[in-house]
Amino acid sequence: MMSRPMLLVFLLLILIITSQFEWKQQLVADVDSNPSISQKQHQLSKREETVKEKIILVQEKNIRRLNELVRHLQEQLQQCRSYNRTTNGTVSPLAERILELEQQQILED
């Protein structure tokens, strides 16, 4: 049989070796979990980018609609001015030139 101090030293060595083994396993597990965290972050950034792109597309669509509305309102305004001009009879040459320029500007937009 082993003496008591030798047995204690032997148990202490076994304890040290097993604790070292457990620490190494924890380190390996931490290293292994880092790629999954990185992948999750990459997926999240992809999702964020997709959401941003969708928001931009919706905003562009709204801008196009608003531009169409502005053109439509400008046309209506031009029709009202033409109607008022014919209703009021004659228009001064300066006012007529202004109307022509506004109409030309509307067509260019």
N, C-alpha and C. Protein backbone atom coordinates (compact mmCIF):
# COMPACT_ATOMS: atom_id res chain seq x y z
N MET A 1 0.83 -1.18 0.00
CA MET A 1 0.00 0.00 0.00
C MET A 1 0.87 1.24 0.00
N MET A 2 0.22 2.30 -0.50
CA MET A 2 0.91 3.58 -0.54
C MET A 2 0.79 4.27 0.80
N SER A 3 1.79 5.05 1.04
CA SER A 3 1.70 5.84 2.27
C SER A 3 0.71 6.98 2.05
N ARG A 4 0.25 7.46 3.13
CA ARG A 4 -0.77 8.51 3.06
C ARG A 4 -0.29 9.75 2.30
N PRO A 5 0.88 10.28 2.54
CA PRO A 5 1.33 11.45 1.79
C PRO A 5 1.47 11.16 0.29
N MET A 6 1.90 9.97 -0.05
CA MET A 6 2.02 9.63 -1.46
C MET A 6 0.65 9.55 -2.12
N LEU A 7 -0.30 9.02 -1.40
CA LEU A 7 -1.66 8.94 -1.92
C LEU A 7 -2.23 10.33 -2.15
N LEU A 8 -1.97 11.23 -1.21
CA LEU A 8 -2.44 12.61 -1.36
C LEU A 8 -1.78 13.28 -2.56
N VAL A 9 -0.50 13.06 -2.76
CA VAL A 9 0.22 13.64 -3.90
C VAL A 9 -0.34 13.06 -5.20
N PHE A 10 -0.57 11.77 -5.21
CA PHE A 10 -1.13 11.12 -6.39
C PHE A 10 -2.52 11.69 -6.72
N LEU A 11 -3.38 11.83 -5.73
CA LEU A 11 -4.72 12.40 -5.94
C LEU A 11 -4.63 13.87 -6.41
N LEU A 12 -3.67 14.58 -5.84
CA LEU A 12 -3.49 15.97 -6.25
C LEU A 12 -3.06 16.04 -7.72
N LEU A 13 -2.19 15.16 -8.16
CA LEU A 13 -1.77 15.13 -9.56
C LEU A 13 -2.94 14.78 -10.49
N ILE A 14 -3.73 13.83 -10.08
CA ILE A 14 -4.90 13.46 -10.88
C ILE A 14 -5.86 14.65 -10.98
N LEU A 15 -6.05 15.34 -9.88
CA LEU A 15 -6.93 16.52 -9.88
C LEU A 15 -6.40 17.61 -10.81
N ILE A 16 -5.11 17.83 -10.78
CA ILE A 16 -4.50 18.86 -11.64
C ILE A 16 -4.63 18.46 -13.11
N ILE A 17 -4.37 17.23 -13.42
CA ILE A 17 -4.44 16.77 -14.81
C ILE A 17 -5.87 16.88 -15.34
N THR A 18 -6.84 16.44 -14.55
CA THR A 18 -8.24 16.50 -15.01
C THR A 18 -8.71 17.94 -15.14
N SER A 19 -8.28 18.81 -14.25
CA SER A 19 -8.70 20.21 -14.36
C SER A 19 -8.10 20.84 -15.62
N GLN A 20 -6.84 20.48 -15.92
CA GLN A 20 -6.22 20.98 -17.15
C GLN A 20 -6.99 20.50 -18.37
N PHE A 21 -7.41 19.26 -18.36
CA PHE A 21 -8.17 18.71 -19.47
C PHE A 21 -9.50 19.45 -19.63
N GLU A 22 -10.18 19.75 -18.52
CA GLU A 22 -11.45 20.47 -18.57
C GLU A 22 -11.25 21.89 -19.10
N TRP A 23 -10.18 22.55 -18.68
CA TRP A 23 -9.92 23.90 -19.16
C TRP A 23 -9.69 23.90 -20.67
N LYS A 24 -8.95 22.91 -21.15
CA LYS A 24 -8.70 22.82 -22.59
C LYS A 24 -10.00 22.59 -23.34
N GLN A 25 -10.88 21.77 -22.79
CA GLN A 25 -12.17 21.54 -23.43
C GLN A 25 -12.98 22.83 -23.49
N GLN A 26 -12.95 23.62 -22.43
CA GLN A 26 -13.67 24.90 -22.42
C GLN A 26 -13.10 25.84 -23.47
N LEU A 27 -11.78 25.88 -23.59
CA LEU A 27 -11.16 26.74 -24.58
C LEU A 27 -11.55 26.32 -25.99
N VAL A 28 -11.54 25.03 -26.25
CA VAL A 28 -11.92 24.52 -27.56
C VAL A 28 -13.38 24.84 -27.83
N ALA A 29 -14.23 24.68 -26.84
CA ALA A 29 -15.65 25.00 -27.00
C ALA A 29 -15.83 26.48 -27.29
N ASP A 30 -15.07 27.35 -26.63
CA ASP A 30 -15.16 28.79 -26.88
C ASP A 30 -14.72 29.12 -28.30
N VAL A 31 -13.65 28.48 -28.74
CA VAL A 31 -13.16 28.71 -30.10
C VAL A 31 -14.19 28.22 -31.11
N ASP A 32 -14.80 27.08 -30.83
CA ASP A 32 -15.81 26.53 -31.73
C ASP A 32 -17.06 27.40 -31.78
N SER A 33 -17.41 28.02 -30.67
CA SER A 33 -18.63 28.83 -30.64
C SER A 33 -18.43 30.17 -31.33
N ASN A 34 -17.21 30.67 -31.42
CA ASN A 34 -16.95 31.95 -32.07
C ASN A 34 -17.37 31.98 -33.54
N PRO A 35 -17.11 30.94 -34.34
CA PRO A 35 -17.58 30.97 -35.72
C PRO A 35 -19.10 31.04 -35.82
N SER A 36 -19.79 30.36 -34.92
CA SER A 36 -21.25 30.41 -34.99
C SER A 36 -21.75 31.81 -34.63
N ILE A 37 -21.09 32.46 -33.70
CA ILE A 37 -21.46 33.84 -33.36
C ILE A 37 -21.19 34.74 -34.55
N SER A 38 -20.05 34.53 -35.20
CA SER A 38 -19.70 35.32 -36.37
C SER A 38 -20.71 35.10 -37.49
N GLN A 39 -21.14 33.85 -37.68
CA GLN A 39 -22.13 33.55 -38.71
C GLN A 39 -23.45 34.23 -38.39
N LYS A 40 -23.83 34.22 -37.12
CA LYS A 40 -25.09 34.87 -36.73
C LYS A 40 -25.01 36.37 -36.99
N GLN A 41 -23.87 36.96 -36.65
CA GLN A 41 -23.71 38.39 -36.91
C GLN A 41 -23.76 38.68 -38.40
N HIS A 42 -23.17 37.82 -39.19
CA HIS A 42 -23.19 37.99 -40.65
C HIS A 42 -24.62 37.88 -41.17
N GLN A 43 -25.38 36.92 -40.65
CA GLN A 43 -26.77 36.77 -41.07
C GLN A 43 -27.59 37.99 -40.67
N LEU A 44 -27.34 38.50 -39.46
CA LEU A 44 -28.06 39.69 -39.01
C LEU A 44 -27.73 40.90 -39.89
N SER A 45 -26.47 41.05 -40.24
CA SER A 45 -26.10 42.18 -41.09
C SER A 45 -26.71 42.02 -42.48
N LYS A 46 -26.81 40.79 -42.98
CA LYS A 46 -27.47 40.57 -44.27
C LYS A 46 -28.95 40.95 -44.20
N ARG A 47 -29.60 40.56 -43.11
CA ARG A 47 -31.01 40.91 -42.94
C ARG A 47 -31.20 42.42 -42.87
N GLU A 48 -30.33 43.07 -42.12
CA GLU A 48 -30.41 44.52 -42.02
C GLU A 48 -30.24 45.17 -43.39
N GLU A 49 -29.30 44.67 -44.15
CA GLU A 49 -29.05 45.21 -45.49
C GLU A 49 -30.27 45.01 -46.39
N THR A 50 -30.89 43.84 -46.29
CA THR A 50 -32.08 43.56 -47.09
C THR A 50 -33.22 44.50 -46.71
N VAL A 51 -33.40 44.73 -45.43
CA VAL A 51 -34.45 45.64 -44.97
C VAL A 51 -34.17 47.06 -45.46
N LYS A 52 -32.92 47.49 -45.40
CA LYS A 52 -32.56 48.82 -45.90
C LYS A 52 -32.85 48.96 -47.38
N GLU A 53 -32.53 47.92 -48.15
CA GLU A 53 -32.79 47.96 -49.59
C GLU A 53 -34.29 48.05 -49.87
N LYS A 54 -35.08 47.29 -49.10
CA LYS A 54 -36.53 47.34 -49.30
C LYS A 54 -37.07 48.72 -48.96
N ILE A 55 -36.56 49.33 -47.91
CA ILE A 55 -37.01 50.67 -47.53
C ILE A 55 -36.67 51.65 -48.65
N ILE A 56 -35.48 51.55 -49.19
CA ILE A 56 -35.07 52.45 -50.28
C ILE A 56 -35.97 52.27 -51.49
N LEU A 57 -36.27 51.01 -51.83
CA LEU A 57 -37.15 50.76 -52.98
C LEU A 57 -38.55 51.35 -52.77
N VAL A 58 -39.07 51.22 -51.56
CA VAL A 58 -40.39 51.78 -51.26
C VAL A 58 -40.34 53.30 -51.35
N GLN A 59 -39.27 53.90 -50.85
CA GLN A 59 -39.14 55.36 -50.93
C GLN A 59 -39.04 55.83 -52.37
N GLU A 60 -38.29 55.10 -53.19
CA GLU A 60 -38.19 55.47 -54.61
C GLU A 60 -39.55 55.37 -55.29
N LYS A 61 -40.30 54.35 -54.96
CA LYS A 61 -41.63 54.18 -55.54
C LYS A 61 -42.54 55.35 -55.12
N ASN A 62 -42.47 55.73 -53.85
CA ASN A 62 -43.27 56.86 -53.37
C ASN A 62 -42.86 58.16 -54.06
N ILE A 63 -41.58 58.34 -54.29
CA ILE A 63 -41.10 59.54 -54.98
C ILE A 63 -41.65 59.59 -56.40
N ARG A 64 -41.64 58.44 -57.08
CA ARG A 64 -42.20 58.41 -58.45
C ARG A 64 -43.68 58.76 -58.44
N ARG A 65 -44.41 58.22 -57.46
CA ARG A 65 -45.85 58.54 -57.35
C ARG A 65 -46.05 60.03 -57.12
N LEU A 66 -45.25 60.59 -56.22
CA LEU A 66 -45.38 62.01 -55.94
C LEU A 66 -45.05 62.86 -57.16
N ASN A 67 -44.05 62.45 -57.92
CA ASN A 67 -43.72 63.18 -59.15
C ASN A 67 -44.88 63.12 -60.14
N GLU A 68 -45.52 61.96 -60.24
CA GLU A 68 -46.69 61.84 -61.12
C GLU A 68 -47.81 62.74 -60.65
N LEU A 69 -48.04 62.79 -59.34
CA LEU A 69 -49.08 63.66 -58.81
C LEU A 69 -48.78 65.13 -59.09
N VAL A 70 -47.52 65.50 -58.94
CA VAL A 70 -47.14 66.90 -59.21
C VAL A 70 -47.39 67.22 -60.68
N ARG A 71 -47.00 66.32 -61.59
CA ARG A 71 -47.25 66.56 -63.01
C ARG A 71 -48.75 66.68 -63.30
N HIS A 72 -49.52 65.81 -62.68
CA HIS A 72 -50.97 65.83 -62.89
C HIS A 72 -51.55 67.16 -62.38
N LEU A 73 -51.11 67.59 -61.22
CA LEU A 73 -51.61 68.85 -60.67
C LEU A 73 -51.17 70.04 -61.53
N GLN A 74 -49.97 69.99 -62.07
CA GLN A 74 -49.52 71.06 -62.96
C GLN A 74 -50.37 71.12 -64.22
N GLU A 75 -50.70 69.94 -64.73
CA GLU A 75 -51.58 69.90 -65.92
C GLU A 75 -52.95 70.47 -65.60
N GLN A 76 -53.48 70.12 -64.43
CA GLN A 76 -54.79 70.65 -64.03
C GLN A 76 -54.73 72.16 -63.88
N LEU A 77 -53.65 72.65 -63.28
CA LEU A 77 -53.47 74.08 -63.12
C LEU A 77 -53.43 74.77 -64.49
N GLN A 78 -52.71 74.16 -65.40
CA GLN A 78 -52.62 74.73 -66.75
C GLN A 78 -53.99 74.75 -67.41
N GLN A 79 -54.76 73.70 -67.25
CA GLN A 79 -56.12 73.65 -67.82
C GLN A 79 -57.00 74.73 -67.20
N CYS A 80 -56.87 74.92 -65.89
CA CYS A 80 -57.67 75.96 -65.23
C CYS A 80 -57.28 77.35 -65.75
N ARG A 81 -56.00 77.57 -65.93
CA ARG A 81 -55.54 78.86 -66.45
C ARG A 81 -56.06 79.07 -67.88
N SER A 82 -55.99 78.02 -68.66
CA SER A 82 -56.52 78.13 -70.03
C SER A 82 -58.01 78.41 -70.01
N TYR A 83 -58.73 77.75 -69.12
CA TYR A 83 -60.17 77.97 -69.01
C TYR A 83 -60.46 79.40 -68.58
N ASN A 84 -59.71 79.90 -67.61
CA ASN A 84 -59.91 81.27 -67.16
C ASN A 84 -59.57 82.26 -68.28
N ARG A 85 -58.56 81.94 -69.05
CA ARG A 85 -58.16 82.83 -70.13
C ARG A 85 -59.28 82.92 -71.18
N THR A 86 -59.85 81.79 -71.53
CA THR A 86 -60.92 81.82 -72.53
C THR A 86 -62.19 82.44 -71.95
N THR A 87 -62.41 82.26 -70.66
CA THR A 87 -63.60 82.84 -70.03
C THR A 87 -63.48 84.35 -69.93
N ASN A 88 -62.31 84.82 -69.59
CA ASN A 88 -62.11 86.26 -69.40
C ASN A 88 -61.92 87.00 -70.72
N GLY A 89 -61.85 86.30 -71.77
CA GLY A 89 -61.71 86.97 -73.06
C GLY A 89 -60.25 87.11 -73.43
N THR A 90 -59.83 88.29 -73.68
CA THR A 90 -58.46 88.52 -74.13
C THR A 90 -57.50 88.57 -72.96
N VAL A 91 -56.27 88.20 -73.24
CA VAL A 91 -55.21 88.22 -72.24
C VAL A 91 -54.11 89.11 -72.77
N SER A 92 -53.48 89.84 -71.88
CA SER A 92 -52.40 90.73 -72.31
C SER A 92 -51.25 89.90 -72.86
N PRO A 93 -50.45 90.47 -73.77
CA PRO A 93 -49.34 89.72 -74.36
C PRO A 93 -48.35 89.21 -73.29
N LEU A 94 -48.13 89.99 -72.24
CA LEU A 94 -47.19 89.57 -71.20
C LEU A 94 -47.75 88.34 -70.46
N ALA A 95 -49.03 88.38 -70.10
CA ALA A 95 -49.64 87.25 -69.40
C ALA A 95 -49.65 86.01 -70.29
N GLU A 96 -49.88 86.21 -71.58
CA GLU A 96 -49.89 85.07 -72.50
C GLU A 96 -48.49 84.46 -72.60
N ARG A 97 -47.48 85.31 -72.64
CA ARG A 97 -46.10 84.81 -72.71
C ARG A 97 -45.75 84.02 -71.43
N ILE A 98 -46.20 84.51 -70.29
CA ILE A 98 -45.97 83.82 -69.02
C ILE A 98 -46.64 82.44 -69.05
N LEU A 99 -47.86 82.38 -69.53
CA LEU A 99 -48.57 81.11 -69.63
C LEU A 99 -47.85 80.14 -70.56
N GLU A 100 -47.33 80.66 -71.65
CA GLU A 100 -46.60 79.81 -72.59
C GLU A 100 -45.33 79.24 -71.95
N LEU A 101 -44.61 80.12 -71.22
CA LEU A 101 -43.40 79.66 -70.55
C LEU A 101 -43.71 78.61 -69.47
N GLU A 102 -44.78 78.83 -68.72
CA GLU A 102 -45.16 77.85 -67.69
C GLU A 102 -45.55 76.53 -68.33
N GLN A 103 -46.27 76.60 -69.43
CA GLN A 103 -46.67 75.38 -70.12
C GLN A 103 -45.44 74.64 -70.66
N GLN A 104 -44.50 75.40 -71.19
CA GLN A 104 -43.28 74.80 -71.71
C GLN A 104 -42.49 74.14 -70.58
N GLN A 105 -42.46 74.79 -69.42
CA GLN A 105 -41.76 74.24 -68.28
C GLN A 105 -42.42 72.95 -67.80
N ILE A 106 -43.73 72.90 -67.81
CA ILE A 106 -44.46 71.70 -67.41
C ILE A 106 -44.14 70.56 -68.36
N LEU A 107 -44.10 70.85 -69.64
CA LEU A 107 -43.82 69.81 -70.62
C LEU A 107 -42.39 69.28 -70.47
N GLU A 108 -41.45 70.16 -70.11
CA GLU A 108 -40.07 69.74 -69.93
C GLU A 108 -39.89 68.88 -68.69
N ASP A 109 -40.69 69.10 -67.67
CA ASP A 109 -40.58 68.30 -66.42
C ASP A 109 -41.04 66.90 -66.72
